[in-house]
């Protein structure tokens, strides 16, 4: 079995804001604070590292089939964001690490970056 969201949460010493589906296996990771960049990720089932803690992140997660999100720098999303994620059963985590540190830690776990080549629809 590969790396799970639960493994990432442990490595990043992250708090689970929404703890649904944390045993899902992570195929790749993307990191961005721009929703427009998130939307061009070609990999379905990617895990997101971000400092953007608003409702657009959860909506983008729904559109591109993200399997989980971790907010860096101890960002805490608004209650509406958490509620929407709960309805989607989308795991949300929060860590004290910076995006740079979080990316380095998950890279050291052997996770590969998401594909941002041209999406074919």
Protein backbone atom coordinates (compact mmCIF):
# COMPACT_ATOMS: atom_id res chain seq x y z
CA UNK A 1 0.00 0.00 0.00
CA UNK A 2 1.22 3.52 -0.82
CA UNK A 3 1.20 6.76 1.09
CA UNK A 4 -2.15 7.83 2.52
CA UNK A 5 -3.60 11.16 3.61
CA UNK A 6 -3.20 9.89 7.18
CA UNK A 7 0.54 9.41 6.53
CA UNK A 8 0.81 12.97 5.21
CA UNK A 9 -1.09 14.30 8.23
CA UNK A 10 1.36 12.55 10.55
CA UNK A 11 4.44 13.77 8.64
CA UNK A 12 3.16 17.36 8.61
CA UNK A 13 1.96 17.17 12.22
CA UNK A 14 -1.35 18.39 10.84
CA UNK A 15 -4.67 18.82 12.56
CA UNK A 16 -7.62 17.20 10.79
CA UNK A 17 -10.33 19.82 10.24
CA UNK A 18 -12.39 17.29 8.27
CA UNK A 19 -11.33 13.70 8.89
CA UNK A 20 -13.29 11.83 6.20
CA UNK A 21 -11.44 9.39 3.92
CA UNK A 22 -7.99 9.91 5.45
CA UNK A 23 -6.99 6.35 4.58
CA UNK A 24 -7.16 7.10 0.83
CA UNK A 25 -3.95 6.54 -1.07
CA UNK A 26 -2.30 9.66 -2.52
CA UNK A 27 -1.09 9.41 -6.10
CA UNK A 28 0.50 12.85 -6.46
CA UNK A 29 0.67 16.26 -4.82
CA UNK A 30 0.11 19.78 -6.12
CA UNK A 31 0.99 23.01 -4.31
CA UNK A 32 -0.53 26.35 -5.19
CA UNK A 33 -2.21 29.46 -3.83
CA UNK A 34 -3.81 30.21 -7.21
CA UNK A 35 -7.10 28.52 -8.07
CA UNK A 36 -6.34 29.01 -11.77
CA UNK A 37 -3.19 26.91 -11.37
CA UNK A 38 -5.06 24.23 -9.43
CA UNK A 39 -7.62 23.92 -12.21
CA UNK A 40 -5.01 23.03 -14.84
CA UNK A 41 -3.77 20.00 -12.91
CA UNK A 42 -4.24 17.00 -15.19
CA UNK A 43 -4.08 14.33 -12.48
CA UNK A 44 -7.33 13.27 -10.87
CA UNK A 45 -7.03 12.20 -7.26
CA UNK A 46 -4.26 14.67 -6.41
CA UNK A 47 -3.62 16.04 -2.90
CA UNK A 48 -3.31 19.84 -2.52
CA UNK A 49 -0.93 21.87 -0.35
CA UNK A 50 -2.07 25.51 -0.15
CA UNK A 51 -2.13 28.69 1.88
CA UNK A 52 -5.45 29.73 0.34
CA UNK A 53 -8.16 28.91 2.87
CA UNK A 54 -11.38 30.00 1.20
CA UNK A 55 -14.43 28.34 -0.36
CA UNK A 56 -12.90 28.47 -3.87
CA UNK A 57 -10.33 25.87 -2.83
CA UNK A 58 -13.05 23.36 -1.91
CA UNK A 59 -14.99 24.14 -5.09
CA UNK A 60 -11.82 23.65 -7.15
CA UNK A 61 -11.21 20.38 -5.29
CA UNK A 62 -14.65 19.22 -6.36
CA UNK A 63 -14.07 20.24 -10.00
CA UNK A 64 -10.72 18.47 -10.42
CA UNK A 65 -11.33 15.54 -8.07
CA UNK A 66 -8.76 16.40 -5.39
CA UNK A 67 -8.67 13.81 -2.62
CA UNK A 68 -7.58 16.15 0.17
CA UNK A 69 -6.22 19.55 1.13
CA UNK A 70 -3.73 20.76 3.70
CA UNK A 71 -3.60 24.43 4.65
CA UNK A 72 -0.10 25.64 5.52
CA UNK A 73 1.01 28.27 8.05
CA UNK A 74 -1.77 27.16 10.42
CA UNK A 75 -4.46 28.71 8.23
CA UNK A 76 -7.98 28.09 9.47
CA UNK A 77 -10.76 28.22 6.89
CA UNK A 78 -14.14 29.76 7.64
CA UNK A 79 -16.92 27.53 8.97
CA UNK A 80 -18.64 27.51 5.55
CA UNK A 81 -15.51 26.04 3.98
CA UNK A 82 -15.34 23.26 6.57
CA UNK A 83 -19.06 22.52 6.21
CA UNK A 84 -18.83 22.31 2.42
CA UNK A 85 -15.83 19.96 2.71
CA UNK A 86 -17.76 17.78 5.17
CA UNK A 87 -20.63 17.47 2.69
CA UNK A 88 -18.11 16.44 0.02
CA UNK A 89 -16.30 14.14 2.49
CA UNK A 90 -13.11 15.97 1.48
CA UNK A 91 -10.32 15.71 4.06
CA UNK A 92 -9.06 19.10 5.23
CA UNK A 93 -5.87 19.40 7.27
CA UNK A 94 -3.98 22.34 8.77
CA UNK A 95 -0.25 22.43 9.55
CA UNK A 96 2.13 24.96 11.07
CA UNK A 97 4.70 24.29 8.34
CA UNK A 98 5.23 26.74 5.49
CA UNK A 99 4.38 25.64 1.95
CA UNK A 100 8.08 25.19 1.19
CA UNK A 101 8.58 22.97 4.23
CA UNK A 102 5.40 20.98 3.62
CA UNK A 103 6.38 20.35 -0.01
CA UNK A 104 9.86 19.20 1.02
CA UNK A 105 8.44 16.83 3.63
CA UNK A 106 5.95 15.15 1.30
CA UNK A 107 8.59 14.96 -1.43
CA UNK A 108 10.83 13.11 1.04
CA UNK A 109 7.94 10.65 1.50
CA UNK A 110 8.33 9.69 -2.16
CA UNK A 111 5.24 11.46 -3.47
CA UNK A 112 5.48 12.84 -7.01
CA UNK A 113 4.22 16.21 -8.23
CA UNK A 114 0.98 16.50 -10.16
CA UNK A 115 0.93 16.83 -13.93
CA UNK A 116 0.34 20.33 -15.28
CA UNK A 117 0.77 19.54 -18.97
CA UNK A 118 -2.07 20.38 -21.32
CA UNK A 119 -5.39 18.89 -20.27
CA UNK A 120 -7.24 17.09 -23.06
CA UNK A 121 -11.01 17.41 -22.75
